[in-house]
Amino acid sequence: NENDLNISIVFVNFGILYRDGIFAQKNYYKSIEFFEKAAKLNNPDAMFNLGTFYLNGFGFNKNYYKAKEFFELAAMQNHSEAINQLGNLYYSGQGIQQDYTKAIKLYERAAALNNKFSMVNLGNSYFNGKGVLQNNEKALKYYEKAAELDEPSALLIVGNMYSLGQNVSIDNKKAIE
């Protein structure tokens, strides 16, 4: 219900404040408490944050299985960052069976939700031919989409591609843009 949603948002915000040390001393354990309360209220941002804590070992030992579990819960609610992180787990094989095909599908799903990191991941996949047939045109298309969303690595990659003529005609005007 709407009240649970509002309460869960407050819990997530407190979790972020403690996670980042804003207005309070950084405290992963307090942050986890708030994220867990919000996750119990089905908040996908809380689920994503808990997944990130397990993935990186913040306040917990690293646990890829638990990270995947929380990312999947958030992904069921179309949380694009969680979907991208699931893709990263499958792409790298961290704690799970490496599966480029599954990773690409997850990246595509997150990119359709305007996730700029997934767009870069798809660009990298097409550029390197991992999980897909190598295709520089598709790589550039995804990098440019991410650059339009001001993703720093995509801006750099697109600029380099145009300034150096990597699979495109040299175009210093586009490189500077």
C-alpha atoms as a PDB file:
ATOM      1  CA  ASN A   1       0.000   0.000   0.000  1.00  0.00           C
ATOM      2  CA  GLU A   2       0.992   3.650  -0.305  1.00  0.00           C
ATOM      3  CA  ASN A   3       1.873   3.996   3.382  1.00  0.00           C
ATOM      4  CA  ASP A   4       4.313   1.046   3.197  1.00  0.00           C
ATOM      5  CA  LEU A   5       5.876   2.578   0.080  1.00  0.00           C
ATOM      6  CA  ASN A   6       6.392   5.922   1.820  1.00  0.00           C
ATOM      7  CA  ILE A   7       7.844   4.262   4.929  1.00  0.00           C
ATOM      8  CA  SER A   8      10.150   2.113   2.776  1.00  0.00           C
ATOM      9  CA  ILE A   9      11.440   5.232   1.000  1.00  0.00           C
ATOM     10  CA  VAL A  10      12.262   6.811   4.370  1.00  0.00           C
ATOM     11  CA  PHE A  11      14.110   3.627   5.389  1.00  0.00           C
ATOM     12  CA  VAL A  12      16.087   3.635   2.115  1.00  0.00           C
ATOM     13  CA  ASN A  13      17.028   7.282   2.616  1.00  0.00           C
ATOM     14  CA  PHE A  14      18.269   6.562   6.151  1.00  0.00           C
ATOM     15  CA  GLY A  15      20.187   3.578   4.779  1.00  0.00           C
ATOM     16  CA  ILE A  16      21.892   5.838   2.235  1.00  0.00           C
ATOM     17  CA  LEU A  17      22.718   8.458   4.896  1.00  0.00           C
ATOM     18  CA  TYR A  18      24.453   5.843   7.066  1.00  0.00           C
ATOM     19  CA  ARG A  19      26.056   4.116   4.070  1.00  0.00           C
ATOM     20  CA  ASP A  20      27.598   7.341   2.794  1.00  0.00           C
ATOM     21  CA  GLY A  21      28.212   9.047   6.143  1.00  0.00           C
ATOM     22  CA  ILE A  22      25.912  11.997   5.392  1.00  0.00           C
ATOM     23  CA  PHE A  23      24.792  13.853   8.546  1.00  0.00           C
ATOM     24  CA  ALA A  24      25.966  10.839  10.546  1.00  0.00           C
ATOM     25  CA  GLN A  25      29.098   8.772  10.896  1.00  0.00           C
ATOM     26  CA  LYS A  26      29.367   6.107   8.203  1.00  0.00           C
ATOM     27  CA  ASN A  27      27.921   2.910   9.630  1.00  0.00           C
ATOM     28  CA  TYR A  28      27.288  -0.054   7.330  1.00  0.00           C
ATOM     29  CA  TYR A  29      25.484  -2.010  10.034  1.00  0.00           C
ATOM     30  CA  LYS A  30      22.904   0.738  10.641  1.00  0.00           C
ATOM     31  CA  SER A  31      22.616   1.175   6.897  1.00  0.00           C
ATOM     32  CA  ILE A  32      21.926  -2.546   6.476  1.00  0.00           C
ATOM     33  CA  GLU A  33      19.243  -2.409   9.185  1.00  0.00           C
ATOM     34  CA  PHE A  34      17.374   0.306   7.308  1.00  0.00           C
ATOM     35  CA  PHE A  35      17.785  -1.384   3.917  1.00  0.00           C
ATOM     36  CA  GLU A  36      16.506  -4.674   5.384  1.00  0.00           C
ATOM     37  CA  LYS A  37      13.433  -2.916   6.825  1.00  0.00           C
ATOM     38  CA  ALA A  38      12.719  -1.335   3.445  1.00  0.00           C
ATOM     39  CA  ALA A  39      13.324  -4.616   1.595  1.00  0.00           C
ATOM     40  CA  LYS A  40      10.735  -6.314   3.815  1.00  0.00           C
ATOM     41  CA  LEU A  41       8.323  -3.664   2.518  1.00  0.00           C
ATOM     42  CA  ASN A  42       9.272  -4.752  -1.037  1.00  0.00           C
ATOM     43  CA  ASN A  43      11.353  -1.686  -1.905  1.00  0.00           C
ATOM     44  CA  PRO A  44      13.547  -2.450  -4.959  1.00  0.00           C
ATOM     45  CA  ASP A  45      16.122   0.261  -4.123  1.00  0.00           C
ATOM     46  CA  ALA A  46      16.688  -1.396  -0.746  1.00  0.00           C
ATOM     47  CA  MET A  47      17.027  -4.804  -2.401  1.00  0.00           C
ATOM     48  CA  PHE A  48      19.540  -3.383  -4.870  1.00  0.00           C
ATOM     49  CA  ASN A  49      21.560  -1.787  -2.062  1.00  0.00           C
ATOM     50  CA  LEU A  50      21.616  -5.018  -0.064  1.00  0.00           C
ATOM     51  CA  GLY A  51      22.765  -6.844  -3.194  1.00  0.00           C
ATOM     52  CA  THR A  52      25.559  -4.301  -3.594  1.00  0.00           C
ATOM     53  CA  PHE A  53      26.592  -4.733   0.051  1.00  0.00           C
ATOM     54  CA  TYR A  54      26.830  -8.512  -0.399  1.00  0.00           C
ATOM     55  CA  LEU A  55      28.610  -8.138  -3.737  1.00  0.00           C
ATOM     56  CA  ASN A  56      31.275  -5.821  -2.317  1.00  0.00           C
ATOM     57  CA  GLY A  57      31.473  -7.147   1.234  1.00  0.00           C
ATOM     58  CA  PHE A  58      30.222  -3.964   2.942  1.00  0.00           C
ATOM     59  CA  GLY A  59      29.186  -5.020   6.435  1.00  0.00           C
ATOM     60  CA  PHE A  60      29.085  -8.659   5.320  1.00  0.00           C
ATOM     61  CA  ASN A  61      31.506 -11.157   3.921  1.00  0.00           C
ATOM     62  CA  LYS A  62      31.233 -11.149   0.141  1.00  0.00           C
ATOM     63  CA  ASN A  63      28.430 -13.463  -0.852  1.00  0.00           C
ATOM     64  CA  TYR A  64      27.668 -13.608  -4.572  1.00  0.00           C
ATOM     65  CA  TYR A  65      24.709 -15.930  -4.043  1.00  0.00           C
ATOM     66  CA  LYS A  66      23.011 -13.461  -1.665  1.00  0.00           C
ATOM     67  CA  ALA A  67      23.932 -10.551  -3.945  1.00  0.00           C
ATOM     68  CA  LYS A  68      22.322 -12.348  -6.885  1.00  0.00           C
ATOM     69  CA  GLU A  69      19.256 -13.125  -4.785  1.00  0.00           C
ATOM     70  CA  PHE A  70      18.702  -9.456  -3.881  1.00  0.00           C
ATOM     71  CA  PHE A  71      19.440  -8.259  -7.427  1.00  0.00           C
ATOM     72  CA  GLU A  72      16.870 -10.750  -8.745  1.00  0.00           C
ATOM     73  CA  LEU A  73      14.241  -9.500  -6.292  1.00  0.00           C
ATOM     74  CA  ALA A  74      14.841  -5.902  -7.368  1.00  0.00           C
ATOM     75  CA  ALA A  75      14.981  -6.908 -11.054  1.00  0.00           C
ATOM     76  CA  MET A  76      11.513  -8.435 -10.738  1.00  0.00           C
ATOM     77  CA  GLN A  77      10.382  -4.840 -10.183  1.00  0.00           C
ATOM     78  CA  ASN A  78      12.357  -3.591 -13.216  1.00  0.00           C
ATOM     79  CA  HIS A  79      15.126  -1.964 -11.190  1.00  0.00           C
ATOM     80  CA  SER A  80      17.535  -1.236 -14.036  1.00  0.00           C
ATOM     81  CA  GLU A  81      20.678  -1.073 -11.883  1.00  0.00           C
ATOM     82  CA  ALA A  82      19.883  -4.470 -10.352  1.00  0.00           C
ATOM     83  CA  ILE A  83      19.286  -5.921 -13.821  1.00  0.00           C
ATOM     84  CA  ASN A  84      22.651  -4.529 -14.958  1.00  0.00           C
ATOM     85  CA  GLN A  85      24.384  -5.988 -11.891  1.00  0.00           C
ATOM     86  CA  LEU A  86      22.849  -9.383 -12.588  1.00  0.00           C
ATOM     87  CA  GLY A  87      24.237  -9.073 -16.102  1.00  0.00           C
ATOM     88  CA  ASN A  88      27.660  -8.295 -14.637  1.00  0.00           C
ATOM     89  CA  LEU A  89      27.515 -11.402 -12.445  1.00  0.00           C
ATOM     90  CA  TYR A  90      26.677 -13.620 -15.419  1.00  0.00           C
ATOM     91  CA  TYR A  91      29.213 -11.892 -17.662  1.00  0.00           C
ATOM     92  CA  SER A  92      32.066 -12.275 -15.173  1.00  0.00           C
ATOM     93  CA  GLY A  93      30.970 -15.569 -13.651  1.00  0.00           C
ATOM     94  CA  GLN A  94      31.368 -14.125 -10.136  1.00  0.00           C
ATOM     95  CA  GLY A  95      29.939 -16.747  -7.835  1.00  0.00           C
ATOM     96  CA  ILE A  96      27.749 -18.215 -10.575  1.00  0.00           C
ATOM     97  CA  GLN A  97      28.182 -20.055 -13.854  1.00  0.00           C
ATOM     98  CA  GLN A  98      29.443 -17.613 -16.486  1.00  0.00           C
ATOM     99  CA  ASP A  99      26.786 -17.145 -19.164  1.00  0.00           C
ATOM    100  CA  TYR A 100      27.389 -14.441 -21.779  1.00  0.00           C
ATOM    101  CA  THR A 101      24.020 -15.057 -23.443  1.00  0.00           C
ATOM    102  CA  LYS A 102      22.135 -14.456 -20.198  1.00  0.00           C
ATOM    103  CA  ALA A 103      24.308 -11.422 -19.447  1.00  0.00           C
ATOM    104  CA  ILE A 104      23.561  -9.865 -22.847  1.00  0.00           C
ATOM    105  CA  LYS A 105      19.815 -10.399 -22.407  1.00  0.00           C
ATOM    106  CA  LEU A 106      19.970  -8.720 -18.998  1.00  0.00           C
ATOM    107  CA  TYR A 107      22.039  -5.820 -20.368  1.00  0.00           C
ATOM    108  CA  GLU A 108      19.515  -5.377 -23.192  1.00  0.00           C
ATOM    109  CA  ARG A 109      16.651  -5.372 -20.700  1.00  0.00           C
ATOM    110  CA  ALA A 110      18.363  -2.752 -18.522  1.00  0.00           C
ATOM    111  CA  ALA A 111      19.346  -0.664 -21.558  1.00  0.00           C
ATOM    112  CA  ALA A 112      15.681  -0.630 -22.637  1.00  0.00           C
ATOM    113  CA  LEU A 113      15.046   0.966 -19.219  1.00  0.00           C
ATOM    114  CA  ASN A 114      17.677   3.641 -20.084  1.00  0.00           C
ATOM    115  CA  ASN A 115      20.426   2.215 -17.898  1.00  0.00           C
ATOM    116  CA  LYS A 116      23.567   3.883 -19.226  1.00  0.00           C
ATOM    117  CA  PHE A 117      25.899   1.330 -17.617  1.00  0.00           C
ATOM    118  CA  SER A 118      24.189  -1.508 -19.471  1.00  0.00           C
ATOM    119  CA  MET A 119      24.565   0.463 -22.681  1.00  0.00           C
ATOM    120  CA  VAL A 120      28.319   0.668 -22.081  1.00  0.00           C
ATOM    121  CA  ASN A 121      28.394  -3.043 -21.240  1.00  0.00           C
ATOM    122  CA  LEU A 122      26.591  -3.821 -24.499  1.00  0.00           C
ATOM    123  CA  GLY A 123      28.988  -1.542 -26.368  1.00  0.00           C
ATOM    124  CA  ASN A 124      31.935  -3.394 -24.838  1.00  0.00           C
ATOM    125  CA  SER A 125      30.355  -6.763 -25.649  1.00  0.00           C
ATOM    126  CA  TYR A 126      29.821  -5.855 -29.302  1.00  0.00           C
ATOM    127  CA  PHE A 127      33.223  -4.187 -29.584  1.00  0.00           C
ATOM    128  CA  ASN A 128      35.008  -7.243 -28.145  1.00  0.00           C
ATOM    129  CA  GLY A 129      32.676  -9.900 -29.573  1.00  0.00           C
ATOM    130  CA  LYS A 130      31.942 -11.445 -26.168  1.00  0.00           C
ATOM    131  CA  GLY A 131      28.520 -13.050 -25.962  1.00  0.00           C
ATOM    132  CA  VAL A 132      27.565 -11.590 -29.329  1.00  0.00           C
ATOM    133  CA  LEU A 133      29.055 -11.415 -32.791  1.00  0.00           C
ATOM    134  CA  GLN A 134      31.634  -8.648 -32.932  1.00  0.00           C
ATOM    135  CA  ASN A 135      29.914  -5.607 -34.456  1.00  0.00           C
ATOM    136  CA  ASN A 136      31.548  -2.183 -34.294  1.00  0.00           C
ATOM    137  CA  GLU A 137      28.461  -0.369 -35.568  1.00  0.00           C
ATOM    138  CA  LYS A 138      26.307  -1.767 -32.765  1.00  0.00           C
ATOM    139  CA  ALA A 139      29.082  -1.060 -30.263  1.00  0.00           C
ATOM    140  CA  LEU A 140      29.209   2.575 -31.353  1.00  0.00           C
ATOM    141  CA  LYS A 141      25.391   2.821 -31.241  1.00  0.00           C
ATOM    142  CA  TYR A 142      25.336   1.682 -27.594  1.00  0.00           C
ATOM    143  CA  TYR A 143      28.288   3.869 -26.626  1.00  0.00           C
ATOM    144  CA  GLU A 144      26.597   6.887 -28.219  1.00  0.00           C
ATOM    145  CA  LYS A 145      23.322   6.171 -26.392  1.00  0.00           C
ATOM    146  CA  ALA A 146      25.191   6.027 -23.080  1.00  0.00           C
ATOM    147  CA  ALA A 147      27.125   9.191 -23.985  1.00  0.00           C
ATOM    148  CA  GLU A 148      23.819  10.980 -24.603  1.00  0.00           C
ATOM    149  CA  LEU A 149      22.999  10.115 -20.976  1.00  0.00           C
ATOM    150  CA  ASP A 150      26.352  11.684 -19.922  1.00  0.00           C
ATOM    151  CA  GLU A 151      28.006   8.423 -18.902  1.00  0.00           C
ATOM    152  CA  PRO A 152      31.697   9.449 -18.531  1.00  0.00           C
ATOM    153  CA  SER A 153      33.335   6.282 -19.881  1.00  0.00           C
ATOM    154  CA  ALA A 154      31.018   6.315 -22.911  1.00  0.00           C
ATOM    155  CA  LEU A 155      31.853   9.963 -23.611  1.00  0.00           C
ATOM    156  CA  LEU A 156      35.551   9.085 -23.526  1.00  0.00           C
ATOM    157  CA  ILE A 157      35.142   5.987 -25.712  1.00  0.00           C
ATOM    158  CA  VAL A 158      33.059   7.807 -28.342  1.00  0.00           C
ATOM    159  CA  GLY A 159      35.480  10.733 -28.354  1.00  0.00           C
ATOM    160  CA  ASN A 160      38.437   8.389 -28.831  1.00  0.00           C
ATOM    161  CA  MET A 161      36.690   6.415 -31.562  1.00  0.00           C
ATOM    162  CA  TYR A 162      36.019   9.572 -33.587  1.00  0.00           C
ATOM    163  CA  SER A 163      39.371  11.260 -32.910  1.00  0.00           C
ATOM    164  CA  LEU A 164      41.392   8.142 -33.734  1.00  0.00           C
ATOM    165  CA  GLY A 165      39.116   6.830 -36.483  1.00  0.00           C
ATOM    166  CA  GLN A 166      38.475   3.539 -34.684  1.00  0.00           C
ATOM    167  CA  ASN A 167      35.965   1.815 -36.964  1.00  0.00           C
ATOM    168  CA  VAL A 168      34.540   5.226 -37.922  1.00  0.00           C
ATOM    169  CA  SER A 169      35.720   8.080 -40.091  1.00  0.00           C
ATOM    170  CA  ILE A 170      37.852  10.575 -38.179  1.00  0.00           C
ATOM    171  CA  ASP A 171      35.558  13.386 -37.123  1.00  0.00           C
ATOM    172  CA  ASN A 172      37.161  15.822 -34.701  1.00  0.00           C
ATOM    173  CA  LYS A 173      33.914  17.776 -34.324  1.00  0.00           C
ATOM    174  CA  LYS A 174      32.072  14.641 -33.119  1.00  0.00           C
ATOM    175  CA  ALA A 175      35.092  13.672 -30.992  1.00  0.00           C
ATOM    176  CA  ILE A 176      34.879  16.961 -29.075  1.00  0.00           C
ATOM    177  CA  GLU A 177      31.103  16.777 -28.636  1.00  0.00           C
END
